[in-house]
PDBML (XML) file of the C-alpha atoms, coordinates in Angstrom:
<?xml version="1.0" encoding="UTF-8" ?>
<PDBx:datablock datablockName="MODEL"
   xmlns:PDBx="http://pdbml.pdb.org/schema/pdbx-v50.xsd"
   xmlns:xsi="http://www.w3.org/2001/XMLSchema-instance"
   xsi:schemaLocation="http://pdbml.pdb.org/schema/pdbx-v50.xsd pdbx-v50.xsd">
   <PDBx:atom_siteCategory>
      <PDBx:atom_site id="1">
         <PDBx:B_iso_or_equiv>0.00</PDBx:B_iso_or_equiv>
         <PDBx:Cartn_x>14.817</PDBx:Cartn_x>
         <PDBx:Cartn_y>-2.684</PDBx:Cartn_y>
         <PDBx:Cartn_z>-14.463</PDBx:Cartn_z>
         <PDBx:auth_asym_id>A</PDBx:auth_asym_id>
         <PDBx:auth_atom_id>CA</PDBx:auth_atom_id>
         <PDBx:auth_comp_id>GLY</PDBx:auth_comp_id>
         <PDBx:auth_seq_id>1</PDBx:auth_seq_id>
         <PDBx:group_PDB>ATOM</PDBx:group_PDB>
         <PDBx:label_alt_id xsi:nil="true" />
         <PDBx:label_asym_id>A</PDBx:label_asym_id>
         <PDBx:label_atom_id>CA</PDBx:label_atom_id>
         <PDBx:label_comp_id>GLY</PDBx:label_comp_id>
         <PDBx:label_entity_id>1</PDBx:label_entity_id>
         <PDBx:label_seq_id>1</PDBx:label_seq_id>
         <PDBx:occupancy>1.00</PDBx:occupancy>
         <PDBx:pdbx_PDB_model_num>1</PDBx:pdbx_PDB_model_num>
         <PDBx:type_symbol>C</PDBx:type_symbol>
      </PDBx:atom_site>
      <PDBx:atom_site id="2">
         <PDBx:B_iso_or_equiv>0.00</PDBx:B_iso_or_equiv>
         <PDBx:Cartn_x>14.367</PDBx:Cartn_x>
         <PDBx:Cartn_y>-2.829</PDBx:Cartn_y>
         <PDBx:Cartn_z>-10.590</PDBx:Cartn_z>
         <PDBx:auth_asym_id>A</PDBx:auth_asym_id>
         <PDBx:auth_atom_id>CA</PDBx:auth_atom_id>
         <PDBx:auth_comp_id>ILE</PDBx:auth_comp_id>
         <PDBx:auth_seq_id>2</PDBx:auth_seq_id>
         <PDBx:group_PDB>ATOM</PDBx:group_PDB>
         <PDBx:label_alt_id xsi:nil="true" />
         <PDBx:label_asym_id>A</PDBx:label_asym_id>
         <PDBx:label_atom_id>CA</PDBx:label_atom_id>
         <PDBx:label_comp_id>ILE</PDBx:label_comp_id>
         <PDBx:label_entity_id>1</PDBx:label_entity_id>
         <PDBx:label_seq_id>2</PDBx:label_seq_id>
         <PDBx:occupancy>1.00</PDBx:occupancy>
         <PDBx:pdbx_PDB_model_num>1</PDBx:pdbx_PDB_model_num>
         <PDBx:type_symbol>C</PDBx:type_symbol>
      </PDBx:atom_site>
      <PDBx:atom_site id="3">
         <PDBx:B_iso_or_equiv>0.00</PDBx:B_iso_or_equiv>
         <PDBx:Cartn_x>12.914</PDBx:Cartn_x>
         <PDBx:Cartn_y>-3.399</PDBx:Cartn_y>
         <PDBx:Cartn_z>-7.398</PDBx:Cartn_z>
         <PDBx:auth_asym_id>A</PDBx:auth_asym_id>
         <PDBx:auth_atom_id>CA</PDBx:auth_atom_id>
         <PDBx:auth_comp_id>SER</PDBx:auth_comp_id>
         <PDBx:auth_seq_id>3</PDBx:auth_seq_id>
         <PDBx:group_PDB>ATOM</PDBx:group_PDB>
         <PDBx:label_alt_id xsi:nil="true" />
         <PDBx:label_asym_id>A</PDBx:label_asym_id>
         <PDBx:label_atom_id>CA</PDBx:label_atom_id>
         <PDBx:label_comp_id>SER</PDBx:label_comp_id>
         <PDBx:label_entity_id>1</PDBx:label_entity_id>
         <PDBx:label_seq_id>3</PDBx:label_seq_id>
         <PDBx:occupancy>1.00</PDBx:occupancy>
         <PDBx:pdbx_PDB_model_num>1</PDBx:pdbx_PDB_model_num>
         <PDBx:type_symbol>C</PDBx:type_symbol>
      </PDBx:atom_site>
      <PDBx:atom_site id="4">
         <PDBx:B_iso_or_equiv>0.00</PDBx:B_iso_or_equiv>
         <PDBx:Cartn_x>11.801</PDBx:Cartn_x>
         <PDBx:Cartn_y>-0.632</PDBx:Cartn_y>
         <PDBx:Cartn_z>-5.007</PDBx:Cartn_z>
         <PDBx:auth_asym_id>A</PDBx:auth_asym_id>
         <PDBx:auth_atom_id>CA</PDBx:auth_atom_id>
         <PDBx:auth_comp_id>ILE</PDBx:auth_comp_id>
         <PDBx:auth_seq_id>4</PDBx:auth_seq_id>
         <PDBx:group_PDB>ATOM</PDBx:group_PDB>
         <PDBx:label_alt_id xsi:nil="true" />
         <PDBx:label_asym_id>A</PDBx:label_asym_id>
         <PDBx:label_atom_id>CA</PDBx:label_atom_id>
         <PDBx:label_comp_id>ILE</PDBx:label_comp_id>
         <PDBx:label_entity_id>1</PDBx:label_entity_id>
         <PDBx:label_seq_id>4</PDBx:label_seq_id>
         <PDBx:occupancy>1.00</PDBx:occupancy>
         <PDBx:pdbx_PDB_model_num>1</PDBx:pdbx_PDB_model_num>
         <PDBx:type_symbol>C</PDBx:type_symbol>
      </PDBx:atom_site>
      <PDBx:atom_site id="5">
         <PDBx:B_iso_or_equiv>0.00</PDBx:B_iso_or_equiv>
         <PDBx:Cartn_x>11.898</PDBx:Cartn_x>
         <PDBx:Cartn_y>-0.019</PDBx:Cartn_y>
         <PDBx:Cartn_z>-1.176</PDBx:Cartn_z>
         <PDBx:auth_asym_id>A</PDBx:auth_asym_id>
         <PDBx:auth_atom_id>CA</PDBx:auth_atom_id>
         <PDBx:auth_comp_id>ASP</PDBx:auth_comp_id>
         <PDBx:auth_seq_id>5</PDBx:auth_seq_id>
         <PDBx:group_PDB>ATOM</PDBx:group_PDB>
         <PDBx:label_alt_id xsi:nil="true" />
         <PDBx:label_asym_id>A</PDBx:label_asym_id>
         <PDBx:label_atom_id>CA</PDBx:label_atom_id>
         <PDBx:label_comp_id>ASP</PDBx:label_comp_id>
         <PDBx:label_entity_id>1</PDBx:label_entity_id>
         <PDBx:label_seq_id>5</PDBx:label_seq_id>
         <PDBx:occupancy>1.00</PDBx:occupancy>
         <PDBx:pdbx_PDB_model_num>1</PDBx:pdbx_PDB_model_num>
         <PDBx:type_symbol>C</PDBx:type_symbol>
      </PDBx:atom_site>
      <PDBx:atom_site id="6">
         <PDBx:B_iso_or_equiv>0.00</PDBx:B_iso_or_equiv>
         <PDBx:Cartn_x>8.491</PDBx:Cartn_x>
         <PDBx:Cartn_y>1.871</PDBx:Cartn_y>
         <PDBx:Cartn_z>-1.182</PDBx:Cartn_z>
         <PDBx:auth_asym_id>A</PDBx:auth_asym_id>
         <PDBx:auth_atom_id>CA</PDBx:auth_atom_id>
         <PDBx:auth_comp_id>LEU</PDBx:auth_comp_id>
         <PDBx:auth_seq_id>6</PDBx:auth_seq_id>
         <PDBx:group_PDB>ATOM</PDBx:group_PDB>
         <PDBx:label_alt_id xsi:nil="true" />
         <PDBx:label_asym_id>A</PDBx:label_asym_id>
         <PDBx:label_atom_id>CA</PDBx:label_atom_id>
         <PDBx:label_comp_id>LEU</PDBx:label_comp_id>
         <PDBx:label_entity_id>1</PDBx:label_entity_id>
         <PDBx:label_seq_id>6</PDBx:label_seq_id>
         <PDBx:occupancy>1.00</PDBx:occupancy>
         <PDBx:pdbx_PDB_model_num>1</PDBx:pdbx_PDB_model_num>
         <PDBx:type_symbol>C</PDBx:type_symbol>
      </PDBx:atom_site>
      <PDBx:atom_site id="7">
         <PDBx:B_iso_or_equiv>0.00</PDBx:B_iso_or_equiv>
         <PDBx:Cartn_x>7.498</PDBx:Cartn_x>
         <PDBx:Cartn_y>-0.111</PDBx:Cartn_y>
         <PDBx:Cartn_z>2.406</PDBx:Cartn_z>
         <PDBx:auth_asym_id>A</PDBx:auth_asym_id>
         <PDBx:auth_atom_id>CA</PDBx:auth_atom_id>
         <PDBx:auth_comp_id>SER</PDBx:auth_comp_id>
         <PDBx:auth_seq_id>7</PDBx:auth_seq_id>
         <PDBx:group_PDB>ATOM</PDBx:group_PDB>
         <PDBx:label_alt_id xsi:nil="true" />
         <PDBx:label_asym_id>A</PDBx:label_asym_id>
         <PDBx:label_atom_id>CA</PDBx:label_atom_id>
         <PDBx:label_comp_id>SER</PDBx:label_comp_id>
         <PDBx:label_entity_id>1</PDBx:label_entity_id>
         <PDBx:label_seq_id>7</PDBx:label_seq_id>
         <PDBx:occupancy>1.00</PDBx:occupancy>
         <PDBx:pdbx_PDB_model_num>1</PDBx:pdbx_PDB_model_num>
         <PDBx:type_symbol>C</PDBx:type_symbol>
      </PDBx:atom_site>
      <PDBx:atom_site id="8">
         <PDBx:B_iso_or_equiv>0.00</PDBx:B_iso_or_equiv>
         <PDBx:Cartn_x>8.793</PDBx:Cartn_x>
         <PDBx:Cartn_y>3.689</PDBx:Cartn_y>
         <PDBx:Cartn_z>4.485</PDBx:Cartn_z>
         <PDBx:auth_asym_id>A</PDBx:auth_asym_id>
         <PDBx:auth_atom_id>CA</PDBx:auth_atom_id>
         <PDBx:auth_comp_id>PRO</PDBx:auth_comp_id>
         <PDBx:auth_seq_id>8</PDBx:auth_seq_id>
         <PDBx:group_PDB>ATOM</PDBx:group_PDB>
         <PDBx:label_alt_id xsi:nil="true" />
         <PDBx:label_asym_id>A</PDBx:label_asym_id>
         <PDBx:label_atom_id>CA</PDBx:label_atom_id>
         <PDBx:label_comp_id>PRO</PDBx:label_comp_id>
         <PDBx:label_entity_id>1</PDBx:label_entity_id>
         <PDBx:label_seq_id>8</PDBx:label_seq_id>
         <PDBx:occupancy>1.00</PDBx:occupancy>
         <PDBx:pdbx_PDB_model_num>1</PDBx:pdbx_PDB_model_num>
         <PDBx:type_symbol>C</PDBx:type_symbol>
      </PDBx:atom_site>
      <PDBx:atom_site id="9">
         <PDBx:B_iso_or_equiv>0.00</PDBx:B_iso_or_equiv>
         <PDBx:Cartn_x>5.358</PDBx:Cartn_x>
         <PDBx:Cartn_y>5.686</PDBx:Cartn_y>
         <PDBx:Cartn_z>2.848</PDBx:Cartn_z>
         <PDBx:auth_asym_id>A</PDBx:auth_asym_id>
         <PDBx:auth_atom_id>CA</PDBx:auth_atom_id>
         <PDBx:auth_comp_id>VAL</PDBx:auth_comp_id>
         <PDBx:auth_seq_id>9</PDBx:auth_seq_id>
         <PDBx:group_PDB>ATOM</PDBx:group_PDB>
         <PDBx:label_alt_id xsi:nil="true" />
         <PDBx:label_asym_id>A</PDBx:label_asym_id>
         <PDBx:label_atom_id>CA</PDBx:label_atom_id>
         <PDBx:label_comp_id>VAL</PDBx:label_comp_id>
         <PDBx:label_entity_id>1</PDBx:label_entity_id>
         <PDBx:label_seq_id>9</PDBx:label_seq_id>
         <PDBx:occupancy>1.00</PDBx:occupancy>
         <PDBx:pdbx_PDB_model_num>1</PDBx:pdbx_PDB_model_num>
         <PDBx:type_symbol>C</PDBx:type_symbol>
      </PDBx:atom_site>
      <PDBx:atom_site id="10">
         <PDBx:B_iso_or_equiv>0.00</PDBx:B_iso_or_equiv>
         <PDBx:Cartn_x>2.612</PDBx:Cartn_x>
         <PDBx:Cartn_y>6.263</PDBx:Cartn_y>
         <PDBx:Cartn_z>4.927</PDBx:Cartn_z>
         <PDBx:auth_asym_id>A</PDBx:auth_asym_id>
         <PDBx:auth_atom_id>CA</PDBx:auth_atom_id>
         <PDBx:auth_comp_id>LEU</PDBx:auth_comp_id>
         <PDBx:auth_seq_id>10</PDBx:auth_seq_id>
         <PDBx:group_PDB>ATOM</PDBx:group_PDB>
         <PDBx:label_alt_id xsi:nil="true" />
         <PDBx:label_asym_id>A</PDBx:label_asym_id>
         <PDBx:label_atom_id>CA</PDBx:label_atom_id>
         <PDBx:label_comp_id>LEU</PDBx:label_comp_id>
         <PDBx:label_entity_id>1</PDBx:label_entity_id>
         <PDBx:label_seq_id>10</PDBx:label_seq_id>
         <PDBx:occupancy>1.00</PDBx:occupancy>
         <PDBx:pdbx_PDB_model_num>1</PDBx:pdbx_PDB_model_num>
         <PDBx:type_symbol>C</PDBx:type_symbol>
      </PDBx:atom_site>
      <PDBx:atom_site id="11">
         <PDBx:B_iso_or_equiv>0.00</PDBx:B_iso_or_equiv>
         <PDBx:Cartn_x>-0.494</PDBx:Cartn_x>
         <PDBx:Cartn_y>4.917</PDBx:Cartn_y>
         <PDBx:Cartn_z>3.348</PDBx:Cartn_z>
         <PDBx:auth_asym_id>A</PDBx:auth_asym_id>
         <PDBx:auth_atom_id>CA</PDBx:auth_atom_id>
         <PDBx:auth_comp_id>PRO</PDBx:auth_comp_id>
         <PDBx:auth_seq_id>11</PDBx:auth_seq_id>
         <PDBx:group_PDB>ATOM</PDBx:group_PDB>
         <PDBx:label_alt_id xsi:nil="true" />
         <PDBx:label_asym_id>A</PDBx:label_asym_id>
         <PDBx:label_atom_id>CA</PDBx:label_atom_id>
         <PDBx:label_comp_id>PRO</PDBx:label_comp_id>
         <PDBx:label_entity_id>1</PDBx:label_entity_id>
         <PDBx:label_seq_id>11</PDBx:label_seq_id>
         <PDBx:occupancy>1.00</PDBx:occupancy>
         <PDBx:pdbx_PDB_model_num>1</PDBx:pdbx_PDB_model_num>
         <PDBx:type_symbol>C</PDBx:type_symbol>
      </PDBx:atom_site>
      <PDBx:atom_site id="12">
         <PDBx:B_iso_or_equiv>0.00</PDBx:B_iso_or_equiv>
         <PDBx:Cartn_x>-4.008</PDBx:Cartn_x>
         <PDBx:Cartn_y>7.128</PDBx:Cartn_y>
         <PDBx:Cartn_z>4.719</PDBx:Cartn_z>
         <PDBx:auth_asym_id>A</PDBx:auth_asym_id>
         <PDBx:auth_atom_id>CA</PDBx:auth_atom_id>
         <PDBx:auth_comp_id>VAL</PDBx:auth_comp_id>
         <PDBx:auth_seq_id>12</PDBx:auth_seq_id>
         <PDBx:group_PDB>ATOM</PDBx:group_PDB>
         <PDBx:label_alt_id xsi:nil="true" />
         <PDBx:label_asym_id>A</PDBx:label_asym_id>
         <PDBx:label_atom_id>CA</PDBx:label_atom_id>
         <PDBx:label_comp_id>VAL</PDBx:label_comp_id>
         <PDBx:label_entity_id>1</PDBx:label_entity_id>
         <PDBx:label_seq_id>12</PDBx:label_seq_id>
         <PDBx:occupancy>1.00</PDBx:occupancy>
         <PDBx:pdbx_PDB_model_num>1</PDBx:pdbx_PDB_model_num>
         <PDBx:type_symbol>C</PDBx:type_symbol>
      </PDBx:atom_site>
      <PDBx:atom_site id="13">
         <PDBx:B_iso_or_equiv>0.00</PDBx:B_iso_or_equiv>
         <PDBx:Cartn_x>-7.341</PDBx:Cartn_x>
         <PDBx:Cartn_y>5.905</PDBx:Cartn_y>
         <PDBx:Cartn_z>2.276</PDBx:Cartn_z>
         <PDBx:auth_asym_id>A</PDBx:auth_asym_id>
         <PDBx:auth_atom_id>CA</PDBx:auth_atom_id>
         <PDBx:auth_comp_id>CYS</PDBx:auth_comp_id>
         <PDBx:auth_seq_id>13</PDBx:auth_seq_id>
         <PDBx:group_PDB>ATOM</PDBx:group_PDB>
         <PDBx:label_alt_id xsi:nil="true" />
         <PDBx:label_asym_id>A</PDBx:label_asym_id>
         <PDBx:label_atom_id>CA</PDBx:label_atom_id>
         <PDBx:label_comp_id>CYS</PDBx:label_comp_id>
         <PDBx:label_entity_id>1</PDBx:label_entity_id>
         <PDBx:label_seq_id>13</PDBx:label_seq_id>
         <PDBx:occupancy>1.00</PDBx:occupancy>
         <PDBx:pdbx_PDB_model_num>1</PDBx:pdbx_PDB_model_num>
         <PDBx:type_symbol>C</PDBx:type_symbol>
      </PDBx:atom_site>
      <PDBx:atom_site id="14">
         <PDBx:B_iso_or_equiv>0.00</PDBx:B_iso_or_equiv>
         <PDBx:Cartn_x>-9.938</PDBx:Cartn_x>
         <PDBx:Cartn_y>7.687</PDBx:Cartn_y>
         <PDBx:Cartn_z>2.335</PDBx:Cartn_z>
         <PDBx:auth_asym_id>A</PDBx:auth_asym_id>
         <PDBx:auth_atom_id>CA</PDBx:auth_atom_id>
         <PDBx:auth_comp_id>PHE</PDBx:auth_comp_id>
         <PDBx:auth_seq_id>14</PDBx:auth_seq_id>
         <PDBx:group_PDB>ATOM</PDBx:group_PDB>
         <PDBx:label_alt_id xsi:nil="true" />
         <PDBx:label_asym_id>A</PDBx:label_asym_id>
         <PDBx:label_atom_id>CA</PDBx:label_atom_id>
         <PDBx:label_comp_id>PHE</PDBx:label_comp_id>
         <PDBx:label_entity_id>1</PDBx:label_entity_id>
         <PDBx:label_seq_id>14</PDBx:label_seq_id>
         <PDBx:occupancy>1.00</PDBx:occupancy>
         <PDBx:pdbx_PDB_model_num>1</PDBx:pdbx_PDB_model_num>
         <PDBx:type_symbol>C</PDBx:type_symbol>
      </PDBx:atom_site>
      <PDBx:atom_site id="15">
         <PDBx:B_iso_or_equiv>0.00</PDBx:B_iso_or_equiv>
         <PDBx:Cartn_x>-13.588</PDBx:Cartn_x>
         <PDBx:Cartn_y>5.934</PDBx:Cartn_y>
         <PDBx:Cartn_z>1.385</PDBx:Cartn_z>
         <PDBx:auth_asym_id>A</PDBx:auth_asym_id>
         <PDBx:auth_atom_id>CA</PDBx:auth_atom_id>
         <PDBx:auth_comp_id>SER</PDBx:auth_comp_id>
         <PDBx:auth_seq_id>15</PDBx:auth_seq_id>
         <PDBx:group_PDB>ATOM</PDBx:group_PDB>
         <PDBx:label_alt_id xsi:nil="true" />
         <PDBx:label_asym_id>A</PDBx:label_asym_id>
         <PDBx:label_atom_id>CA</PDBx:label_atom_id>
         <PDBx:label_comp_id>SER</PDBx:label_comp_id>
         <PDBx:label_entity_id>1</PDBx:label_entity_id>
         <PDBx:label_seq_id>15</PDBx:label_seq_id>
         <PDBx:occupancy>1.00</PDBx:occupancy>
         <PDBx:pdbx_PDB_model_num>1</PDBx:pdbx_PDB_model_num>
         <PDBx:type_symbol>C</PDBx:type_symbol>
      </PDBx:atom_site>
      <PDBx:atom_site id="16">
         <PDBx:B_iso_or_equiv>0.00</PDBx:B_iso_or_equiv>
         <PDBx:Cartn_x>-17.614</PDBx:Cartn_x>
         <PDBx:Cartn_y>6.178</PDBx:Cartn_y>
         <PDBx:Cartn_z>1.517</PDBx:Cartn_z>
         <PDBx:auth_asym_id>A</PDBx:auth_asym_id>
         <PDBx:auth_atom_id>CA</PDBx:auth_atom_id>
         <PDBx:auth_comp_id>ASP</PDBx:auth_comp_id>
         <PDBx:auth_seq_id>16</PDBx:auth_seq_id>
         <PDBx:group_PDB>ATOM</PDBx:group_PDB>
         <PDBx:label_alt_id xsi:nil="true" />
         <PDBx:label_asym_id>A</PDBx:label_asym_id>
         <PDBx:label_atom_id>CA</PDBx:label_atom_id>
         <PDBx:label_comp_id>ASP</PDBx:label_comp_id>
         <PDBx:label_entity_id>1</PDBx:label_entity_id>
         <PDBx:label_seq_id>16</PDBx:label_seq_id>
         <PDBx:occupancy>1.00</PDBx:occupancy>
         <PDBx:pdbx_PDB_model_num>1</PDBx:pdbx_PDB_model_num>
         <PDBx:type_symbol>C</PDBx:type_symbol>
      </PDBx:atom_site>
      <PDBx:atom_site id="17">
         <PDBx:B_iso_or_equiv>0.00</PDBx:B_iso_or_equiv>
         <PDBx:Cartn_x>-19.792</PDBx:Cartn_x>
         <PDBx:Cartn_y>3.554</PDBx:Cartn_y>
         <PDBx:Cartn_z>0.269</PDBx:Cartn_z>
         <PDBx:auth_asym_id>A</PDBx:auth_asym_id>
         <PDBx:auth_atom_id>CA</PDBx:auth_atom_id>
         <PDBx:auth_comp_id>GLY</PDBx:auth_comp_id>
         <PDBx:auth_seq_id>17</PDBx:auth_seq_id>
         <PDBx:group_PDB>ATOM</PDBx:group_PDB>
         <PDBx:label_alt_id xsi:nil="true" />
         <PDBx:label_asym_id>A</PDBx:label_asym_id>
         <PDBx:label_atom_id>CA</PDBx:label_atom_id>
         <PDBx:label_comp_id>GLY</PDBx:label_comp_id>
         <PDBx:label_entity_id>1</PDBx:label_entity_id>
         <PDBx:label_seq_id>17</PDBx:label_seq_id>
         <PDBx:occupancy>1.00</PDBx:occupancy>
         <PDBx:pdbx_PDB_model_num>1</PDBx:pdbx_PDB_model_num>
         <PDBx:type_symbol>C</PDBx:type_symbol>
      </PDBx:atom_site>
      <PDBx:atom_site id="18">
         <PDBx:B_iso_or_equiv>0.00</PDBx:B_iso_or_equiv>
         <PDBx:Cartn_x>-19.106</PDBx:Cartn_x>
         <PDBx:Cartn_y>0.618</PDBx:Cartn_y>
         <PDBx:Cartn_z>-1.421</PDBx:Cartn_z>
         <PDBx:auth_asym_id>A</PDBx:auth_asym_id>
         <PDBx:auth_atom_id>CA</PDBx:auth_atom_id>
         <PDBx:auth_comp_id>GLU</PDBx:auth_comp_id>
         <PDBx:auth_seq_id>18</PDBx:auth_seq_id>
         <PDBx:group_PDB>ATOM</PDBx:group_PDB>
         <PDBx:label_alt_id xsi:nil="true" />
         <PDBx:label_asym_id>A</PDBx:label_asym_id>
         <PDBx:label_atom_id>CA</PDBx:label_atom_id>
         <PDBx:label_comp_id>GLU</PDBx:label_comp_id>
         <PDBx:label_entity_id>1</PDBx:label_entity_id>
         <PDBx:label_seq_id>18</PDBx:label_seq_id>
         <PDBx:occupancy>1.00</PDBx:occupancy>
         <PDBx:pdbx_PDB_model_num>1</PDBx:pdbx_PDB_model_num>
         <PDBx:type_symbol>C</PDBx:type_symbol>
      </PDBx:atom_site>
      <PDBx:atom_site id="19">
         <PDBx:B_iso_or_equiv>0.00</PDBx:B_iso_or_equiv>
         <PDBx:Cartn_x>-15.112</PDBx:Cartn_x>
         <PDBx:Cartn_y>0.723</PDBx:Cartn_y>
         <PDBx:Cartn_z>-0.926</PDBx:Cartn_z>
         <PDBx:auth_asym_id>A</PDBx:auth_asym_id>
         <PDBx:auth_atom_id>CA</PDBx:auth_atom_id>
         <PDBx:auth_comp_id>TRP</PDBx:auth_comp_id>
         <PDBx:auth_seq_id>19</PDBx:auth_seq_id>
         <PDBx:group_PDB>ATOM</PDBx:group_PDB>
         <PDBx:label_alt_id xsi:nil="true" />
         <PDBx:label_asym_id>A</PDBx:label_asym_id>
         <PDBx:label_atom_id>CA</PDBx:label_atom_id>
         <PDBx:label_comp_id>TRP</PDBx:label_comp_id>
         <PDBx:label_entity_id>1</PDBx:label_entity_id>
         <PDBx:label_seq_id>19</PDBx:label_seq_id>
         <PDBx:occupancy>1.00</PDBx:occupancy>
         <PDBx:pdbx_PDB_model_num>1</PDBx:pdbx_PDB_model_num>
         <PDBx:type_symbol>C</PDBx:type_symbol>
      </PDBx:atom_site>
      <PDBx:atom_site id="20">
         <PDBx:B_iso_or_equiv>0.00</PDBx:B_iso_or_equiv>
         <PDBx:Cartn_x>-14.684</PDBx:Cartn_x>
         <PDBx:Cartn_y>0.697</PDBx:Cartn_y>
         <PDBx:Cartn_z>2.067</PDBx:Cartn_z>
         <PDBx:auth_asym_id>A</PDBx:auth_asym_id>
         <PDBx:auth_atom_id>CA</PDBx:auth_atom_id>
         <PDBx:auth_comp_id>THR</PDBx:auth_comp_id>
         <PDBx:auth_seq_id>20</PDBx:auth_seq_id>
         <PDBx:group_PDB>ATOM</PDBx:group_PDB>
         <PDBx:label_alt_id xsi:nil="true" />
         <PDBx:label_asym_id>A</PDBx:label_asym_id>
         <PDBx:label_atom_id>CA</PDBx:label_atom_id>
         <PDBx:label_comp_id>THR</PDBx:label_comp_id>
         <PDBx:label_entity_id>1</PDBx:label_entity_id>
         <PDBx:label_seq_id>20</PDBx:label_seq_id>
         <PDBx:occupancy>1.00</PDBx:occupancy>
         <PDBx:pdbx_PDB_model_num>1</PDBx:pdbx_PDB_model_num>
         <PDBx:type_symbol>C</PDBx:type_symbol>
      </PDBx:atom_site>
      <PDBx:atom_site id="21">
         <PDBx:B_iso_or_equiv>0.00</PDBx:B_iso_or_equiv>
         <PDBx:Cartn_x>-16.543</PDBx:Cartn_x>
         <PDBx:Cartn_y>-2.733</PDBx:Cartn_y>
         <PDBx:Cartn_z>2.157</PDBx:Cartn_z>
         <PDBx:auth_asym_id>A</PDBx:auth_asym_id>
         <PDBx:auth_atom_id>CA</PDBx:auth_atom_id>
         <PDBx:auth_comp_id>LYS</PDBx:auth_comp_id>
         <PDBx:auth_seq_id>21</PDBx:auth_seq_id>
         <PDBx:group_PDB>ATOM</PDBx:group_PDB>
         <PDBx:label_alt_id xsi:nil="true" />
         <PDBx:label_asym_id>A</PDBx:label_asym_id>
         <PDBx:label_atom_id>CA</PDBx:label_atom_id>
         <PDBx:label_comp_id>LYS</PDBx:label_comp_id>
         <PDBx:label_entity_id>1</PDBx:label_entity_id>
         <PDBx:label_seq_id>21</PDBx:label_seq_id>
         <PDBx:occupancy>1.00</PDBx:occupancy>
         <PDBx:pdbx_PDB_model_num>1</PDBx:pdbx_PDB_model_num>
         <PDBx:type_symbol>C</PDBx:type_symbol>
      </PDBx:atom_site>
      <PDBx:atom_site id="22">
         <PDBx:B_iso_or_equiv>0.00</PDBx:B_iso_or_equiv>
         <PDBx:Cartn_x>-14.515</PDBx:Cartn_x>
         <PDBx:Cartn_y>-3.683</PDBx:Cartn_y>
         <PDBx:Cartn_z>0.096</PDBx:Cartn_z>
         <PDBx:auth_asym_id>A</PDBx:auth_asym_id>
         <PDBx:auth_atom_id>CA</PDBx:auth_atom_id>
         <PDBx:auth_comp_id>ARG</PDBx:auth_comp_id>
         <PDBx:auth_seq_id>22</PDBx:auth_seq_id>
         <PDBx:group_PDB>ATOM</PDBx:group_PDB>
         <PDBx:label_alt_id xsi:nil="true" />
         <PDBx:label_asym_id>A</PDBx:label_asym_id>
         <PDBx:label_atom_id>CA</PDBx:label_atom_id>
         <PDBx:label_comp_id>ARG</PDBx:label_comp_id>
         <PDBx:label_entity_id>1</PDBx:label_entity_id>
         <PDBx:label_seq_id>22</PDBx:label_seq_id>
         <PDBx:occupancy>1.00</PDBx:occupancy>
         <PDBx:pdbx_PDB_model_num>1</PDBx:pdbx_PDB_model_num>
         <PDBx:type_symbol>C</PDBx:type_symbol>
      </PDBx:atom_site>
      <PDBx:atom_site id="23">
         <PDBx:B_iso_or_equiv>0.00</PDBx:B_iso_or_equiv>
         <PDBx:Cartn_x>-10.949</PDBx:Cartn_x>
         <PDBx:Cartn_y>-2.158</PDBx:Cartn_y>
         <PDBx:Cartn_z>2.052</PDBx:Cartn_z>
         <PDBx:auth_asym_id>A</PDBx:auth_asym_id>
         <PDBx:auth_atom_id>CA</PDBx:auth_atom_id>
         <PDBx:auth_comp_id>LEU</PDBx:auth_comp_id>
         <PDBx:auth_seq_id>23</PDBx:auth_seq_id>
         <PDBx:group_PDB>ATOM</PDBx:group_PDB>
         <PDBx:label_alt_id xsi:nil="true" />
         <PDBx:label_asym_id>A</PDBx:label_asym_id>
         <PDBx:label_atom_id>CA</PDBx:label_atom_id>
         <PDBx:label_comp_id>LEU</PDBx:label_comp_id>
         <PDBx:label_entity_id>1</PDBx:label_entity_id>
         <PDBx:label_seq_id>23</PDBx:label_seq_id>
         <PDBx:occupancy>1.00</PDBx:occupancy>
         <PDBx:pdbx_PDB_model_num>1</PDBx:pdbx_PDB_model_num>
         <PDBx:type_symbol>C</PDBx:type_symbol>
      </PDBx:atom_site>
      <PDBx:atom_site id="24">
         <PDBx:B_iso_or_equiv>0.00</PDBx:B_iso_or_equiv>
         <PDBx:Cartn_x>-11.502</PDBx:Cartn_x>
         <PDBx:Cartn_y>-3.571</PDBx:Cartn_y>
         <PDBx:Cartn_z>5.297</PDBx:Cartn_z>
         <PDBx:auth_asym_id>A</PDBx:auth_asym_id>
         <PDBx:auth_atom_id>CA</PDBx:auth_atom_id>
         <PDBx:auth_comp_id>GLU</PDBx:auth_comp_id>
         <PDBx:auth_seq_id>24</PDBx:auth_seq_id>
         <PDBx:group_PDB>ATOM</PDBx:group_PDB>
         <PDBx:label_alt_id xsi:nil="true" />
         <PDBx:label_asym_id>A</PDBx:label_asym_id>
         <PDBx:label_atom_id>CA</PDBx:label_atom_id>
         <PDBx:label_comp_id>GLU</PDBx:label_comp_id>
         <PDBx:label_entity_id>1</PDBx:label_entity_id>
         <PDBx:label_seq_id>24</PDBx:label_seq_id>
         <PDBx:occupancy>1.00</PDBx:occupancy>
         <PDBx:pdbx_PDB_model_num>1</PDBx:pdbx_PDB_model_num>
         <PDBx:type_symbol>C</PDBx:type_symbol>
      </PDBx:atom_site>
      <PDBx:atom_site id="25">
         <PDBx:B_iso_or_equiv>0.00</PDBx:B_iso_or_equiv>
         <PDBx:Cartn_x>-10.261</PDBx:Cartn_x>
         <PDBx:Cartn_y>-7.044</PDBx:Cartn_y>
         <PDBx:Cartn_z>4.576</PDBx:Cartn_z>
         <PDBx:auth_asym_id>A</PDBx:auth_asym_id>
         <PDBx:auth_atom_id>CA</PDBx:auth_atom_id>
         <PDBx:auth_comp_id>ASP</PDBx:auth_comp_id>
         <PDBx:auth_seq_id>25</PDBx:auth_seq_id>
         <PDBx:group_PDB>ATOM</PDBx:group_PDB>
         <PDBx:label_alt_id xsi:nil="true" />
         <PDBx:label_asym_id>A</PDBx:label_asym_id>
         <PDBx:label_atom_id>CA</PDBx:label_atom_id>
         <PDBx:label_comp_id>ASP</PDBx:label_comp_id>
         <PDBx:label_entity_id>1</PDBx:label_entity_id>
         <PDBx:label_seq_id>25</PDBx:label_seq_id>
         <PDBx:occupancy>1.00</PDBx:occupancy>
         <PDBx:pdbx_PDB_model_num>1</PDBx:pdbx_PDB_model_num>
         <PDBx:type_symbol>C</PDBx:type_symbol>
      </PDBx:atom_site>
   </PDBx:atom_siteCategory>
</PDBx:datablock>
């Protein structure tokens, strides 16, 4: 039962089609 700071992780997404539309926001 803890919280971990993962904010240093850099997320980069790869997508297409409908997934792209859902990630635009």
